Amino acid sequence: MSSLSSMFGCGVVMAPPQALGIGKRSDGGLTIVCSSRPKKKATAHHMKTRPRKTQPWDINRKPTVYNPLPPLPPDFTVIIPADASSAPAAPPPPSA
């Protein structure tokens, strides 16, 4: 078998296998070789492009503490009957 330099008649510089994508793979999955611009699927894309917290003030931030909600007005008070057997059935639908 002849070398590349003898086939082309000049010196040929070869890239290391890692630069060509041969050898170690960082993605750990299948590699698409027939596509010129392979696209990530939905979850993989969102995981790759998600916003990351890099600042210490943002990483150490605690959740917001809100004031408790005011009590409901009397129109919306929930009435629970003492005995479930004496509870009336659901009201009939209104007739038009």
PDB file of N, CA and C in Angstrom:
ATOM      1  N   MET A   1       0.854  -1.177   0.000  1.00  0.00           N
ATOM      2  CA  MET A   1       0.000   0.000   0.000  1.00  0.00           C
ATOM      3  C   MET A   1       0.892   1.229   0.000  1.00  0.00           C
ATOM      4  N   SER A   2       0.579   2.207  -0.813  1.00  0.00           N
ATOM      5  CA  SER A   2       1.413   3.402  -0.918  1.00  0.00           C
ATOM      6  C   SER A   2       0.921   4.466   0.043  1.00  0.00           C
ATOM      7  N   SER A   3       1.823   5.404   0.370  1.00  0.00           N
ATOM      8  CA  SER A   3       1.471   6.457   1.300  1.00  0.00           C
ATOM      9  C   SER A   3       0.760   7.591   0.569  1.00  0.00           C
ATOM     10  N   LEU A   4       0.171   8.472   1.333  1.00  0.00           N
ATOM     11  CA  LEU A   4      -0.548   9.599   0.741  1.00  0.00           C
ATOM     12  C   LEU A   4       0.383  10.548   0.005  1.00  0.00           C
ATOM     13  N   SER A   5       1.582  10.758   0.559  1.00  0.00           N
ATOM     14  CA  SER A   5       2.496  11.700  -0.096  1.00  0.00           C
ATOM     15  C   SER A   5       2.961  11.171  -1.442  1.00  0.00           C
ATOM     16  N   SER A   6       3.087   9.853  -1.577  1.00  0.00           N
ATOM     17  CA  SER A   6       3.499   9.317  -2.874  1.00  0.00           C
ATOM     18  C   SER A   6       2.337   9.334  -3.868  1.00  0.00           C
ATOM     19  N   MET A   7       1.103   9.243  -3.384  1.00  0.00           N
ATOM     20  CA  MET A   7      -0.052   9.271  -4.287  1.00  0.00           C
ATOM     21  C   MET A   7      -0.261  10.674  -4.847  1.00  0.00           C
ATOM     22  N   PHE A   8      -0.125  11.706  -3.996  1.00  0.00           N
ATOM     23  CA  PHE A   8      -0.383  13.070  -4.442  1.00  0.00           C
ATOM     24  C   PHE A   8       0.871  13.779  -4.937  1.00  0.00           C
ATOM     25  N   GLY A   9       2.027  13.234  -4.682  1.00  0.00           N
ATOM     26  CA  GLY A   9       3.252  13.837  -5.167  1.00  0.00           C
ATOM     27  C   GLY A   9       3.717  15.018  -4.326  1.00  0.00           C
ATOM     28  N   CYS A  10       3.162  15.216  -3.177  1.00  0.00           N
ATOM     29  CA  CYS A  10       3.580  16.302  -2.299  1.00  0.00           C
ATOM     30  C   CYS A  10       3.322  15.877  -0.858  1.00  0.00           C
ATOM     31  N   GLY A  11       3.828  16.679   0.070  1.00  0.00           N
ATOM     32  CA  GLY A  11       3.635  16.372   1.482  1.00  0.00           C
ATOM     33  C   GLY A  11       2.185  16.627   1.902  1.00  0.00           C
ATOM     34  N   VAL A  12       1.606  15.733   2.652  1.00  0.00           N
ATOM     35  CA  VAL A  12       0.236  15.871   3.116  1.00  0.00           C
ATOM     36  C   VAL A  12       0.252  15.879   4.642  1.00  0.00           C
ATOM     37  N   VAL A  13      -0.409  16.872   5.224  1.00  0.00           N
ATOM     38  CA  VAL A  13      -0.492  16.960   6.677  1.00  0.00           C
ATOM     39  C   VAL A  13      -1.797  16.328   7.120  1.00  0.00           C
ATOM     40  N   MET A  14      -1.701  15.385   8.027  1.00  0.00           N
ATOM     41  CA  MET A  14      -2.889  14.703   8.529  1.00  0.00           C
ATOM     42  C   MET A  14      -3.277  15.288   9.880  1.00  0.00           C
ATOM     43  N   ALA A  15      -4.565  15.494  10.090  1.00  0.00           N
ATOM     44  CA  ALA A  15      -5.070  15.982  11.370  1.00  0.00           C
ATOM     45  C   ALA A  15      -5.117  14.817  12.355  1.00  0.00           C
ATOM     46  N   PRO A  16      -4.974  15.100  13.658  1.00  0.00           N
ATOM     47  CA  PRO A  16      -5.077  14.010  14.635  1.00  0.00           C
ATOM     48  C   PRO A  16      -6.490  13.425  14.637  1.00  0.00           C
ATOM     49  N   PRO A  17      -6.637  12.170  15.032  1.00  0.00           N
ATOM     50  CA  PRO A  17      -7.956  11.521  14.984  1.00  0.00           C
ATOM     51  C   PRO A  17      -9.017  12.234  15.806  1.00  0.00           C
ATOM     52  N   GLN A  18      -8.638  12.875  16.938  1.00  0.00           N
ATOM     53  CA  GLN A  18      -9.626  13.564  17.756  1.00  0.00           C
ATOM     54  C   GLN A  18     -10.222  14.753  17.005  1.00  0.00           C
ATOM     55  N   ALA A  19      -9.440  15.426  16.172  1.00  0.00           N
ATOM     56  CA  ALA A  19      -9.940  16.572  15.420  1.00  0.00           C
ATOM     57  C   ALA A  19     -10.927  16.139  14.339  1.00  0.00           C
ATOM     58  N   LEU A  20     -10.792  14.917  13.874  1.00  0.00           N
ATOM     59  CA  LEU A  20     -11.684  14.417  12.831  1.00  0.00           C
ATOM     60  C   LEU A  20     -12.945  13.789  13.407  1.00  0.00           C
ATOM     61  N   GLY A  21     -13.039  13.704  14.722  1.00  0.00           N
ATOM     62  CA  GLY A  21     -14.204  13.089  15.331  1.00  0.00           C
ATOM     63  C   GLY A  21     -14.067  11.590  15.472  1.00  0.00           C
ATOM     64  N   ILE A  22     -12.854  11.076  15.273  1.00  0.00           N
ATOM     65  CA  ILE A  22     -12.604   9.649  15.407  1.00  0.00           C
ATOM     66  C   ILE A  22     -12.030   9.415  16.799  1.00  0.00           C
ATOM     67  N   GLY A  23     -12.442   8.368  17.435  1.00  0.00           N
ATOM     68  CA  GLY A  23     -11.908   8.084  18.764  1.00  0.00           C
ATOM     69  C   GLY A  23     -12.926   8.440  19.828  1.00  0.00           C
ATOM     70  N   LYS A  24     -12.523   9.254  20.804  1.00  0.00           N
ATOM     71  CA  LYS A  24     -13.412   9.617  21.899  1.00  0.00           C
ATOM     72  C   LYS A  24     -14.551  10.486  21.393  1.00  0.00           C
ATOM     73  N   ARG A  25     -15.760  10.188  21.882  1.00  0.00           N
ATOM     74  CA  ARG A  25     -16.927  11.015  21.560  1.00  0.00           C
ATOM     75  C   ARG A  25     -17.425  11.613  22.850  1.00  0.00           C
ATOM     76  N   SER A  26     -17.719  12.884  22.835  1.00  0.00           N
ATOM     77  CA  SER A  26     -18.170  13.539  24.049  1.00  0.00           C
ATOM     78  C   SER A  26     -19.671  13.423  24.248  1.00  0.00           C
ATOM     79  N   ASP A  27     -20.451  13.187  23.179  1.00  0.00           N
ATOM     80  CA  ASP A  27     -21.899  13.149  23.324  1.00  0.00           C
ATOM     81  C   ASP A  27     -22.392  11.830  23.895  1.00  0.00           C
ATOM     82  N   GLY A  28     -21.627  10.760  23.767  1.00  0.00           N
ATOM     83  CA  GLY A  28     -21.996   9.494  24.364  1.00  0.00           C
ATOM     84  C   GLY A  28     -23.102   8.770  23.637  1.00  0.00           C
ATOM     85  N   GLY A  29     -23.601   9.276  22.523  1.00  0.00           N
ATOM     86  CA  GLY A  29     -24.680   8.634  21.798  1.00  0.00           C
ATOM     87  C   GLY A  29     -24.284   8.368  20.364  1.00  0.00           C
ATOM     88  N   LEU A  30     -25.274   8.164  19.538  1.00  0.00           N
ATOM     89  CA  LEU A  30     -25.012   7.928  18.132  1.00  0.00           C
ATOM     90  C   LEU A  30     -24.608   9.216  17.436  1.00  0.00           C
ATOM     91  N   THR A  31     -23.774   9.104  16.451  1.00  0.00           N
ATOM     92  CA  THR A  31     -23.340  10.263  15.690  1.00  0.00           C
ATOM     93  C   THR A  31     -23.956  10.180  14.301  1.00  0.00           C
ATOM     94  N   ILE A  32     -24.595  11.250  13.869  1.00  0.00           N
ATOM     95  CA  ILE A  32     -25.183  11.294  12.535  1.00  0.00           C
ATOM     96  C   ILE A  32     -24.077  11.702  11.571  1.00  0.00           C
ATOM     97  N   VAL A  33     -23.837  10.892  10.553  1.00  0.00           N
ATOM     98  CA  VAL A  33     -22.748  11.177   9.632  1.00  0.00           C
ATOM     99  C   VAL A  33     -23.252  11.592   8.260  1.00  0.00           C
ATOM    100  N   CYS A  34     -24.523  11.392   7.953  1.00  0.00           N
ATOM    101  CA  CYS A  34     -25.026  11.700   6.623  1.00  0.00           C
ATOM    102  C   CYS A  34     -25.619  13.097   6.530  1.00  0.00           C
ATOM    103  N   SER A  35     -25.755  13.798   7.628  1.00  0.00           N
ATOM    104  CA  SER A  35     -26.378  15.109   7.608  1.00  0.00           C
ATOM    105  C   SER A  35     -25.307  16.188   7.676  1.00  0.00           C
ATOM    106  N   SER A  36     -25.492  17.233   6.886  1.00  0.00           N
ATOM    107  CA  SER A  36     -24.518  18.319   6.920  1.00  0.00           C
ATOM    108  C   SER A  36     -24.729  19.215   8.128  1.00  0.00           C
ATOM    109  N   ARG A  37     -25.986  19.372   8.574  1.00  0.00           N
ATOM    110  CA  ARG A  37     -26.295  20.185   9.758  1.00  0.00           C
ATOM    111  C   ARG A  37     -27.303  19.439  10.623  1.00  0.00           C
ATOM    112  N   PRO A  38     -26.857  18.469  11.412  1.00  0.00           N
ATOM    113  CA  PRO A  38     -27.817  17.714  12.225  1.00  0.00           C
ATOM    114  C   PRO A  38     -28.437  18.590  13.293  1.00  0.00           C
ATOM    115  N   LYS A  39     -29.710  18.386  13.550  1.00  0.00           N
ATOM    116  CA  LYS A  39     -30.438  19.157  14.549  1.00  0.00           C
ATOM    117  C   LYS A  39     -30.643  18.313  15.798  1.00  0.00           C
ATOM    118  N   LYS A  40     -30.667  18.975  16.950  1.00  0.00           N
ATOM    119  CA  LYS A  40     -30.965  18.278  18.190  1.00  0.00           C
ATOM    120  C   LYS A  40     -32.469  18.098  18.305  1.00  0.00           C
ATOM    121  N   LYS A  41     -32.879  17.029  18.974  1.00  0.00           N
ATOM    122  CA  LYS A  41     -34.300  16.856  19.247  1.00  0.00           C
ATOM    123  C   LYS A  41     -34.700  17.805  20.362  1.00  0.00           C
ATOM    124  N   ALA A  42     -35.969  17.896  20.647  1.00  0.00           N
ATOM    125  CA  ALA A  42     -36.506  18.941  21.519  1.00  0.00           C
ATOM    126  C   ALA A  42     -35.854  18.979  22.895  1.00  0.00           C
ATOM    127  N   THR A  43     -35.848  17.876  23.620  1.00  0.00           N
ATOM    128  CA  THR A  43     -35.318  17.895  24.983  1.00  0.00           C
ATOM    129  C   THR A  43     -33.825  18.140  24.984  1.00  0.00           C
ATOM    130  N   ALA A  44     -33.109  17.549  24.057  1.00  0.00           N
ATOM    131  CA  ALA A  44     -31.664  17.761  23.980  1.00  0.00           C
ATOM    132  C   ALA A  44     -31.353  19.222  23.684  1.00  0.00           C
ATOM    133  N   HIS A  45     -32.158  19.838  22.819  1.00  0.00           N
ATOM    134  CA  HIS A  45     -31.949  21.252  22.501  1.00  0.00           C
ATOM    135  C   HIS A  45     -32.205  22.127  23.722  1.00  0.00           C
ATOM    136  N   HIS A  46     -33.299  21.853  24.454  1.00  0.00           N
ATOM    137  CA  HIS A  46     -33.619  22.674  25.620  1.00  0.00           C
ATOM    138  C   HIS A  46     -32.579  22.501  26.718  1.00  0.00           C
ATOM    139  N   MET A  47     -32.034  21.299  26.878  1.00  0.00           N
ATOM    140  CA  MET A  47     -31.004  21.088  27.886  1.00  0.00           C
ATOM    141  C   MET A  47     -29.710  21.802  27.503  1.00  0.00           C
ATOM    142  N   LYS A  48     -29.407  21.852  26.210  1.00  0.00           N
ATOM    143  CA  LYS A  48     -28.164  22.500  25.782  1.00  0.00           C
ATOM    144  C   LYS A  48     -28.264  24.019  25.845  1.00  0.00           C
ATOM    145  N   THR A  49     -29.431  24.569  25.551  1.00  0.00           N
ATOM    146  CA  THR A  49     -29.569  26.023  25.452  1.00  0.00           C
ATOM    147  C   THR A  49     -30.271  26.639  26.652  1.00  0.00           C
ATOM    148  N   ARG A  50     -30.457  25.888  27.744  1.00  0.00           N
ATOM    149  CA  ARG A  50     -31.158  26.445  28.897  1.00  0.00           C
ATOM    150  C   ARG A  50     -30.304  27.509  29.574  1.00  0.00           C
ATOM    151  N   PRO A  51     -30.935  28.497  30.199  1.00  0.00           N
ATOM    152  CA  PRO A  51     -30.154  29.506  30.896  1.00  0.00           C
ATOM    153  C   PRO A  51     -29.541  28.909  32.157  1.00  0.00           C
ATOM    154  N   ARG A  52     -28.271  29.218  32.376  1.00  0.00           N
ATOM    155  CA  ARG A  52     -27.573  28.694  33.544  1.00  0.00           C
ATOM    156  C   ARG A  52     -27.213  29.833  34.488  1.00  0.00           C
ATOM    157  N   LYS A  53     -27.332  29.559  35.766  1.00  0.00           N
ATOM    158  CA  LYS A  53     -26.970  30.557  36.770  1.00  0.00           C
ATOM    159  C   LYS A  53     -25.455  30.510  36.961  1.00  0.00           C
ATOM    160  N   THR A  54     -24.790  31.627  36.712  1.00  0.00           N
ATOM    161  CA  THR A  54     -23.340  31.674  36.834  1.00  0.00           C
ATOM    162  C   THR A  54     -22.883  32.588  37.957  1.00  0.00           C
ATOM    163  N   GLN A  55     -23.704  33.541  38.361  1.00  0.00           N
ATOM    164  CA  GLN A  55     -23.312  34.489  39.390  1.00  0.00           C
ATOM    165  C   GLN A  55     -23.644  33.935  40.777  1.00  0.00           C
ATOM    166  N   PRO A  56     -22.753  34.127  41.766  1.00  0.00           N
ATOM    167  CA  PRO A  56     -23.037  33.609  43.111  1.00  0.00           C
ATOM    168  C   PRO A  56     -24.304  34.200  43.720  1.00  0.00           C
ATOM    169  N   TRP A  57     -24.598  35.478  43.455  1.00  0.00           N
ATOM    170  CA  TRP A  57     -25.802  36.090  44.027  1.00  0.00           C
ATOM    171  C   TRP A  57     -27.052  35.440  43.475  1.00  0.00           C
ATOM    172  N   ASP A  58     -26.986  34.938  42.244  1.00  0.00           N
ATOM    173  CA  ASP A  58     -28.150  34.309  41.632  1.00  0.00           C
ATOM    174  C   ASP A  58     -28.264  32.843  42.065  1.00  0.00           C
ATOM    175  N   ILE A  59     -27.126  32.168  42.215  1.00  0.00           N
ATOM    176  CA  ILE A  59     -27.135  30.766  42.623  1.00  0.00           C
ATOM    177  C   ILE A  59     -27.653  30.637  44.049  1.00  0.00           C
ATOM    178  N   ASN A  60     -27.245  31.559  44.945  1.00  0.00           N
ATOM    179  CA  ASN A  60     -27.592  31.473  46.360  1.00  0.00           C
ATOM    180  C   ASN A  60     -28.911  32.156  46.698  1.00  0.00           C
ATOM    181  N   ARG A  61     -29.647  32.612  45.701  1.00  0.00           N
ATOM    182  CA  ARG A  61     -30.881  33.347  45.961  1.00  0.00           C
ATOM    183  C   ARG A  61     -31.978  32.430  46.496  1.00  0.00           C
ATOM    184  N   LYS A  62     -32.697  32.888  47.493  1.00  0.00           N
ATOM    185  CA  LYS A  62     -33.787  32.127  48.110  1.00  0.00           C
ATOM    186  C   LYS A  62     -35.096  32.434  47.384  1.00  0.00           C
ATOM    187  N   PRO A  63     -36.103  31.566  47.505  1.00  0.00           N
ATOM    188  CA  PRO A  63     -37.389  31.844  46.862  1.00  0.00           C
ATOM    189  C   PRO A  63     -38.076  33.053  47.494  1.00  0.00           C
ATOM    190  N   THR A  64     -38.909  33.710  46.719  1.00  0.00           N
ATOM    191  CA  THR A  64     -39.624  34.888  47.185  1.00  0.00           C
ATOM    192  C   THR A  64     -40.669  34.496  48.219  1.00  0.00           C
ATOM    193  N   VAL A  65     -40.752  35.286  49.294  1.00  0.00           N
ATOM    194  CA  VAL A  65     -41.752  35.045  50.341  1.00  0.00           C
ATOM    195  C   VAL A  65     -42.859  36.077  50.153  1.00  0.00           C
ATOM    196  N   TYR A  66     -44.073  35.614  49.906  1.00  0.00           N
ATOM    197  CA  TYR A  66     -45.213  36.495  49.679  1.00  0.00           C
ATOM    198  C   TYR A  66     -46.059  36.600  50.944  1.00  0.00           C
ATOM    199  N   ASN A  67     -46.784  37.706  51.077  1.00  0.00           N
ATOM    200  CA  ASN A  67     -47.723  37.873  52.183  1.00  0.00           C
ATOM    201  C   ASN A  67     -48.875  36.893  52.000  1.00  0.00           C
ATOM    202  N   PRO A  68     -49.503  36.431  53.100  1.00  0.00           N
ATOM    203  CA  PRO A  68     -50.641  35.511  52.944  1.00  0.00           C
ATOM    204  C   PRO A  68     -51.815  36.217  52.280  1.00  0.00           C
ATOM    205  N   LEU A  69     -52.629  35.444  51.589  1.00  0.00           N
ATOM    206  CA  LEU A  69     -53.782  36.011  50.892  1.00  0.00           C
ATOM    207  C   LEU A  69     -54.847  36.458  51.903  1.00  0.00           C
ATOM    208  N   PRO A  70     -55.601  37.508  51.569  1.00  0.00           N
ATOM    209  CA  PRO A  70     -56.661  37.939  52.483  1.00  0.00           C
ATOM    210  C   PRO A  70     -57.790  36.907  52.502  1.00  0.00           C
ATOM    211  N   PRO A  71     -58.626  36.927  53.544  1.00  0.00           N
ATOM    212  CA  PRO A  71     -59.727  35.952  53.586  1.00  0.00           C
ATOM    213  C   PRO A  71     -60.730  36.212  52.461  1.00  0.00           C
ATOM    214  N   LEU A  72     -61.433  35.167  52.072  1.00  0.00           N
ATOM    215  CA  LEU A  72     -62.415  35.282  50.988  1.00  0.00           C
ATOM    216  C   LEU A  72     -63.623  36.088  51.449  1.00  0.00           C
ATOM    217  N   PRO A  73     -64.287  36.798  50.545  1.00  0.00           N
ATOM    218  CA  PRO A  73     -65.509  37.500  50.914  1.00  0.00           C
ATOM    219  C   PRO A  73     -66.620  36.484  51.218  1.00  0.00           C
ATOM    220  N   PRO A  74     -67.683  36.907  51.924  1.00  0.00           N
ATOM    221  CA  PRO A  74     -68.732  35.944  52.311  1.00  0.00           C
ATOM    222  C   PRO A  74     -69.459  35.312  51.124  1.00  0.00           C
ATOM    223  N   ASP A  75     -69.438  35.935  49.966  1.00  0.00           N
ATOM    224  CA  ASP A  75     -70.106  35.347  48.804  1.00  0.00           C
ATOM    225  C   ASP A  75     -69.466  34.028  48.384  1.00  0.00           C
ATOM    226  N   PHE A  76     -68.192  33.852  48.692  1.00  0.00           N
ATOM    227  CA  PHE A  76     -67.465  32.673  48.242  1.00  0.00           C
ATOM    228  C   PHE A  76     -67.097  31.742  49.390  1.00  0.00           C
ATOM    229  N   THR A  77     -67.838  31.774  50.485  1.00  0.00           N
ATOM    230  CA  THR A  77     -67.546  30.909  51.619  1.00  0.00           C
ATOM    231  C   THR A  77     -67.994  29.484  51.301  1.00  0.00           C
ATOM    232  N   VAL A  78     -67.124  28.538  51.565  1.00  0.00           N
ATOM    233  CA  VAL A  78     -67.434  27.134  51.323  1.00  0.00           C
ATOM    234  C   VAL A  78     -68.172  26.593  52.543  1.00  0.00           C
ATOM    235  N   ILE A  79     -69.333  25.982  52.312  1.00  0.00           N
ATOM    236  CA  ILE A  79     -70.136  25.413  53.390  1.00  0.00           C
ATOM    237  C   ILE A  79     -70.073  23.906  53.269  1.00  0.00           C
ATOM    238  N   ILE A  80     -69.579  23.252  54.310  1.00  0.00           N
ATOM    239  CA  ILE A  80     -69.478  21.798  54.322  1.00  0.00           C
ATOM    240  C   ILE A  80     -70.537  21.284  55.286  1.00  0.00           C
ATOM    241  N   PRO A  81     -71.468  20.432  54.817  1.00  0.00           N
ATOM    242  CA  PRO A  81     -72.508  19.907  55.722  1.00  0.00           C
ATOM    243  C   PRO A  81     -71.884  18.982  56.758  1.00  0.00           C
ATOM    244  N   ALA A  82     -72.507  18.940  57.935  1.00  0.00           N
ATOM    245  CA  ALA A  82     -72.002  18.102  59.020  1.00  0.00           C
ATOM    246  C   ALA A  82     -72.177  16.629  58.696  1.00  0.00           C
ATOM    247  N   ASP A  83     -73.296  16.272  58.059  1.00  0.00           N
ATOM    248  CA  ASP A  83     -73.558  14.875  57.722  1.00  0.00           C
ATOM    249  C   ASP A  83     -73.603  14.753  56.200  1.00  0.00           C
ATOM    250  N   ALA A  84     -72.769  13.924  55.648  1.00  0.00           N
ATOM    251  CA  ALA A  84     -72.696  13.793  54.191  1.00  0.00           C
ATOM    252  C   ALA A  84     -73.957  13.157  53.620  1.00  0.00           C
ATOM    253  N   SER A  85     -74.680  12.317  54.422  1.00  0.00           N
ATOM    254  CA  SER A  85     -75.886  11.669  53.903  1.00  0.00           C
ATOM    255  C   SER A  85     -77.032  12.667  53.746  1.00  0.00           C
ATOM    256  N   SER A  86     -77.034  13.740  54.550  1.00  0.00           N
ATOM    257  CA  SER A  86     -78.094  14.720  54.432  1.00  0.00           C
ATOM    258  C   SER A  86     -77.773  15.817  53.400  1.00  0.00           C
ATOM    259  N   ALA A  87     -76.634  15.698  52.761  1.00  0.00           N
ATOM    260  CA  ALA A  87     -76.252  16.701  51.761  1.00  0.00           C
ATOM    261  C   ALA A  87     -77.166  16.580  50.546  1.00  0.00           C
ATOM    262  N   PRO A  88     -77.642  17.677  50.023  1.00  0.00           N
ATOM    263  CA  PRO A  88     -78.505  17.600  48.837  1.00  0.00           C
ATOM    264  C   PRO A  88     -77.697  17.167  47.629  1.00  0.00           C
ATOM    265  N   ALA A  89     -78.383  16.564  46.694  1.00  0.00           N
ATOM    266  CA  ALA A  89     -77.736  16.138  45.463  1.00  0.00           C
ATOM    267  C   ALA A  89     -77.349  17.383  44.668  1.00  0.00           C
ATOM    268  N   ALA A  90     -76.602  17.179  43.628  1.00  0.00           N
ATOM    269  CA  ALA A  90     -76.185  18.302  42.794  1.00  0.00           C
ATOM    270  C   ALA A  90     -77.411  18.984  42.226  1.00  0.00           C
ATOM    271  N   PRO A  91     -77.432  20.313  42.195  1.00  0.00           N
ATOM    272  CA  PRO A  91     -78.610  21.008  41.653  1.00  0.00           C
ATOM    273  C   PRO A  91     -78.805  20.684  40.190  1.00  0.00           C
ATOM    274  N   PRO A  92     -80.046  20.662  39.734  1.00  0.00           N
ATOM    275  CA  PRO A  92     -80.305  20.350  38.321  1.00  0.00           C
ATOM    276  C   PRO A  92     -79.771  21.483  37.444  1.00  0.00           C
ATOM    277  N   PRO A  93     -79.416  21.171  36.225  1.00  0.00           N
ATOM    278  CA  PRO A  93     -78.911  22.214  35.328  1.00  0.00           C
ATOM    279  C   PRO A  93     -80.038  23.214  35.008  1.00  0.00           C
ATOM    280  N   PRO A  94     -79.687  24.460  34.825  1.00  0.00           N
ATOM    281  CA  PRO A  94     -80.728  25.451  34.532  1.00  0.00           C
ATOM    282  C   PRO A  94     -81.349  25.189  33.152  1.00  0.00           C
ATOM    283  N   SER A  95     -82.664  25.329  33.081  1.00  0.00           N
ATOM    284  CA  SER A  95     -83.337  25.126  31.800  1.00  0.00           C
ATOM    285  C   SER A  95     -83.411  26.446  31.048  1.00  0.00           C
ATOM    286  N   ALA A  96     -83.245  26.366  29.779  1.00  0.00           N
ATOM    287  CA  ALA A  96     -83.219  27.578  28.975  1.00  0.00           C
ATOM    288  C   ALA A  96     -84.579  27.935  28.420  1.00  0.00           C
TER     289      ALA A  96
END
